[in-house]
């Protein structure tokens, strides 16, 4: 199984070093989630 704790630490470090990329990633995730909600409602 994946080491989720270590992965979270790496993600946190990357987020601190690249705040603009974090915002882009959040937007992509939000779009993906919103897209899935639209698909389920049809």
PDB file of N, CA and C in Angstrom:
ATOM      1  N   UNK A   1       0.846  -1.190   0.000  1.00  0.00           N
ATOM      2  CA  UNK A   1       0.000   0.000   0.000  1.00  0.00           C
ATOM      3  C   UNK A   1       0.892   1.255   0.000  1.00  0.00           C
ATOM      4  N   UNK A   2       0.404   2.312  -0.583  1.00  0.00           N
ATOM      5  CA  UNK A   2       1.179   3.536  -0.696  1.00  0.00           C
ATOM      6  C   UNK A   2       1.372   4.190   0.668  1.00  0.00           C
ATOM      7  N   UNK A   3       2.494   4.871   0.816  1.00  0.00           N
ATOM      8  CA  UNK A   3       2.786   5.602   2.048  1.00  0.00           C
ATOM      9  C   UNK A   3       2.109   6.966   1.950  1.00  0.00           C
ATOM     10  N   UNK A   4       0.876   7.041   2.419  1.00  0.00           N
ATOM     11  CA  UNK A   4       0.111   8.277   2.280  1.00  0.00           C
ATOM     12  C   UNK A   4       0.690   9.401   3.122  1.00  0.00           C
ATOM     13  N   UNK A   5       1.241   9.084   4.264  1.00  0.00           N
ATOM     14  CA  UNK A   5       1.860  10.112   5.100  1.00  0.00           C
ATOM     15  C   UNK A   5       3.030  10.766   4.386  1.00  0.00           C
ATOM     16  N   UNK A   6       3.890   9.947   3.789  1.00  0.00           N
ATOM     17  CA  UNK A   6       5.028  10.482   3.061  1.00  0.00           C
ATOM     18  C   UNK A   6       4.588  11.271   1.840  1.00  0.00           C
ATOM     19  N   UNK A   7       3.550  10.785   1.190  1.00  0.00           N
ATOM     20  CA  UNK A   7       3.038  11.486   0.018  1.00  0.00           C
ATOM     21  C   UNK A   7       2.466  12.844   0.422  1.00  0.00           C
ATOM     22  N   UNK A   8       1.790  12.897   1.556  1.00  0.00           N
ATOM     23  CA  UNK A   8       1.224  14.160   2.037  1.00  0.00           C
ATOM     24  C   UNK A   8       2.342  15.151   2.364  1.00  0.00           C
ATOM     25  N   UNK A   9       3.416  14.655   2.965  1.00  0.00           N
ATOM     26  CA  UNK A   9       4.549  15.529   3.280  1.00  0.00           C
ATOM     27  C   UNK A   9       5.157  16.095   2.004  1.00  0.00           C
ATOM     28  N   UNK A  10       5.317  15.252   0.997  1.00  0.00           N
ATOM     29  CA  UNK A  10       5.877  15.713  -0.280  1.00  0.00           C
ATOM     30  C   UNK A  10       4.953  16.739  -0.932  1.00  0.00           C
ATOM     31  N   UNK A  11       3.656  16.499  -0.863  1.00  0.00           N
ATOM     32  CA  UNK A  11       2.691  17.437  -1.440  1.00  0.00           C
ATOM     33  C   UNK A  11       2.748  18.774  -0.712  1.00  0.00           C
ATOM     34  N   UNK A  12       2.881  18.721   0.604  1.00  0.00           N
ATOM     35  CA  UNK A  12       2.949  19.962   1.388  1.00  0.00           C
ATOM     36  C   UNK A  12       4.199  20.753   1.020  1.00  0.00           C
ATOM     37  N   UNK A  13       5.328  20.063   0.884  1.00  0.00           N
ATOM     38  CA  UNK A  13       6.574  20.735   0.494  1.00  0.00           C
ATOM     39  C   UNK A  13       6.437  21.353  -0.893  1.00  0.00           C
ATOM     40  N   UNK A  14       5.861  20.619  -1.814  1.00  0.00           N
ATOM     41  CA  UNK A  14       5.676  21.126  -3.174  1.00  0.00           C
ATOM     42  C   UNK A  14       4.748  22.329  -3.170  1.00  0.00           C
ATOM     43  N   UNK A  15       3.718  22.283  -2.336  1.00  0.00           N
ATOM     44  CA  UNK A  15       2.762  23.387  -2.269  1.00  0.00           C
ATOM     45  C   UNK A  15       3.436  24.653  -1.751  1.00  0.00           C
ATOM     46  N   UNK A  16       4.300  24.505  -0.778  1.00  0.00           N
ATOM     47  CA  UNK A  16       4.992  25.679  -0.232  1.00  0.00           C
ATOM     48  C   UNK A  16       5.940  26.278  -1.249  1.00  0.00           C
ATOM     49  N   UNK A  17       6.533  25.438  -2.077  1.00  0.00           N
ATOM     50  CA  UNK A  17       7.503  25.911  -3.066  1.00  0.00           C
ATOM     51  C   UNK A  17       6.830  26.461  -4.327  1.00  0.00           C
ATOM     52  N   UNK A  18       5.595  26.040  -4.605  1.00  0.00           N
ATOM     53  CA  UNK A  18       4.930  26.384  -5.871  1.00  0.00           C
ATOM     54  C   UNK A  18       3.466  26.764  -5.656  1.00  0.00           C
ATOM     55  N   UNK A  19       3.195  27.863  -4.963  1.00  0.00           N
ATOM     56  CA  UNK A  19       1.794  28.205  -4.664  1.00  0.00           C
ATOM     57  C   UNK A  19       0.923  28.400  -5.909  1.00  0.00           C
ATOM     58  N   UNK A  20       1.506  28.901  -6.999  1.00  0.00           N
ATOM     59  CA  UNK A  20       0.701  29.104  -8.206  1.00  0.00           C
ATOM     60  C   UNK A  20       0.283  27.767  -8.810  1.00  0.00           C
ATOM     61  N   UNK A  21       1.122  26.771  -8.709  1.00  0.00           N
ATOM     62  CA  UNK A  21       0.772  25.445  -9.223  1.00  0.00           C
ATOM     63  C   UNK A  21      -0.316  24.801  -8.374  1.00  0.00           C
ATOM     64  N   UNK A  22      -0.313  25.096  -7.088  1.00  0.00           N
ATOM     65  CA  UNK A  22      -1.351  24.575  -6.201  1.00  0.00           C
ATOM     66  C   UNK A  22      -2.708  25.141  -6.623  1.00  0.00           C
ATOM     67  N   UNK A  23      -2.745  26.427  -6.911  1.00  0.00           N
ATOM     68  CA  UNK A  23      -4.005  27.040  -7.347  1.00  0.00           C
ATOM     69  C   UNK A  23      -4.486  26.414  -8.648  1.00  0.00           C
ATOM     70  N   UNK A  24      -3.572  26.169  -9.583  1.00  0.00           N
ATOM     71  CA  UNK A  24      -3.943  25.542 -10.848  1.00  0.00           C
ATOM     72  C   UNK A  24      -4.483  24.132 -10.604  1.00  0.00           C
ATOM     73  N   UNK A  25      -3.827  23.399  -9.720  1.00  0.00           N
ATOM     74  CA  UNK A  25      -4.260  22.032  -9.424  1.00  0.00           C
ATOM     75  C   UNK A  25      -5.639  22.038  -8.777  1.00  0.00           C
ATOM     76  N   UNK A  26      -5.871  22.981  -7.857  1.00  0.00           N
ATOM     77  CA  UNK A  26      -7.185  23.076  -7.206  1.00  0.00           C
ATOM     78  C   UNK A  26      -8.266  23.329  -8.242  1.00  0.00           C
ATOM     79  N   UNK A  27      -7.984  24.225  -9.190  1.00  0.00           N
ATOM     80  CA  UNK A  27      -8.958  24.515 -10.239  1.00  0.00           C
ATOM     81  C   UNK A  27      -9.252  23.277 -11.074  1.00  0.00           C
ATOM     82  N   UNK A  28      -8.217  22.525 -11.418  1.00  0.00           N
ATOM     83  CA  UNK A  28      -8.408  21.314 -12.225  1.00  0.00           C
ATOM     84  C   UNK A  28      -9.221  20.274 -11.465  1.00  0.00           C
ATOM     85  N   UNK A  29      -8.918  20.113 -10.189  1.00  0.00           N
ATOM     86  CA  UNK A  29      -9.659  19.141  -9.377  1.00  0.00           C
ATOM     87  C   UNK A  29     -11.109  19.575  -9.243  1.00  0.00           C
ATOM     88  N   UNK A  30     -11.324  20.857  -8.997  1.00  0.00           N
ATOM     89  CA  UNK A  30     -12.691  21.378  -8.861  1.00  0.00           C
ATOM     90  C   UNK A  30     -13.472  21.163 -10.156  1.00  0.00           C
ATOM     91  N   UNK A  31     -12.844  21.446 -11.285  1.00  0.00           N
ATOM     92  CA  UNK A  31     -13.504  21.236 -12.574  1.00  0.00           C
ATOM     93  C   UNK A  31     -13.841  19.767 -12.781  1.00  0.00           C
ATOM     94  N   UNK A  32     -12.931  18.881 -12.404  1.00  0.00           N
ATOM     95  CA  UNK A  32     -13.167  17.447 -12.571  1.00  0.00           C
ATOM     96  C   UNK A  32     -14.321  16.990 -11.688  1.00  0.00           C
ATOM     97  N   UNK A  33     -14.343  17.466 -10.449  1.00  0.00           N
ATOM     98  CA  UNK A  33     -15.416  17.079  -9.523  1.00  0.00           C
ATOM     99  C   UNK A  33     -16.742  17.647 -10.000  1.00  0.00           C
ATOM    100  N   UNK A  34     -16.742  18.908 -10.403  1.00  0.00           N
ATOM    101  CA  UNK A  34     -17.979  19.529 -10.902  1.00  0.00           C
ATOM    102  C   UNK A  34     -18.463  18.819 -12.159  1.00  0.00           C
ATOM    103  N   UNK A  35     -17.545  18.417 -13.003  1.00  0.00           N
ATOM    104  CA  UNK A  35     -17.908  17.692 -14.219  1.00  0.00           C
ATOM    105  C   UNK A  35     -18.559  16.366 -13.887  1.00  0.00           C
ATOM    106  N   UNK A  36     -18.032  15.674 -12.895  1.00  0.00           N
ATOM    107  CA  UNK A  36     -18.599  14.392 -12.485  1.00  0.00           C
ATOM    108  C   UNK A  36     -19.987  14.569 -11.901  1.00  0.00           C
ATOM    109  N   UNK A  37     -20.213  15.646 -11.162  1.00  0.00           N
ATOM    110  CA  UNK A  37     -21.540  15.902 -10.591  1.00  0.00           C
ATOM    111  C   UNK A  37     -22.553  16.121 -11.707  1.00  0.00           C
ATOM    112  N   UNK A  38     -22.139  16.844 -12.735  1.00  0.00           N
ATOM    113  CA  UNK A  38     -23.039  17.092 -13.867  1.00  0.00           C
ATOM    114  C   UNK A  38     -23.401  15.783 -14.553  1.00  0.00           C
ATOM    115  N   UNK A  39     -22.425  14.895 -14.705  1.00  0.00           N
ATOM    116  CA  UNK A  39     -22.669  13.613 -15.360  1.00  0.00           C
ATOM    117  C   UNK A  39     -23.656  12.764 -14.566  1.00  0.00           C
ATOM    118  N   UNK A  40     -23.571  12.800 -13.246  1.00  0.00           N
ATOM    119  CA  UNK A  40     -24.438  11.978 -12.405  1.00  0.00           C
ATOM    120  C   UNK A  40     -25.874  12.469 -12.409  1.00  0.00           C
ATOM    121  N   UNK A  41     -26.075  13.759 -12.631  1.00  0.00           N
ATOM    122  CA  UNK A  41     -27.417  14.326 -12.577  1.00  0.00           C
ATOM    123  C   UNK A  41     -28.221  14.042 -13.832  1.00  0.00           C
ATOM    124  N   UNK A  42     -27.567  13.708 -14.925  1.00  0.00           N
ATOM    125  CA  UNK A  42     -28.277  13.484 -16.194  1.00  0.00           C
ATOM    126  C   UNK A  42     -28.960  12.153 -16.229  1.00  0.00           C
TER     127      UNK A  42
END
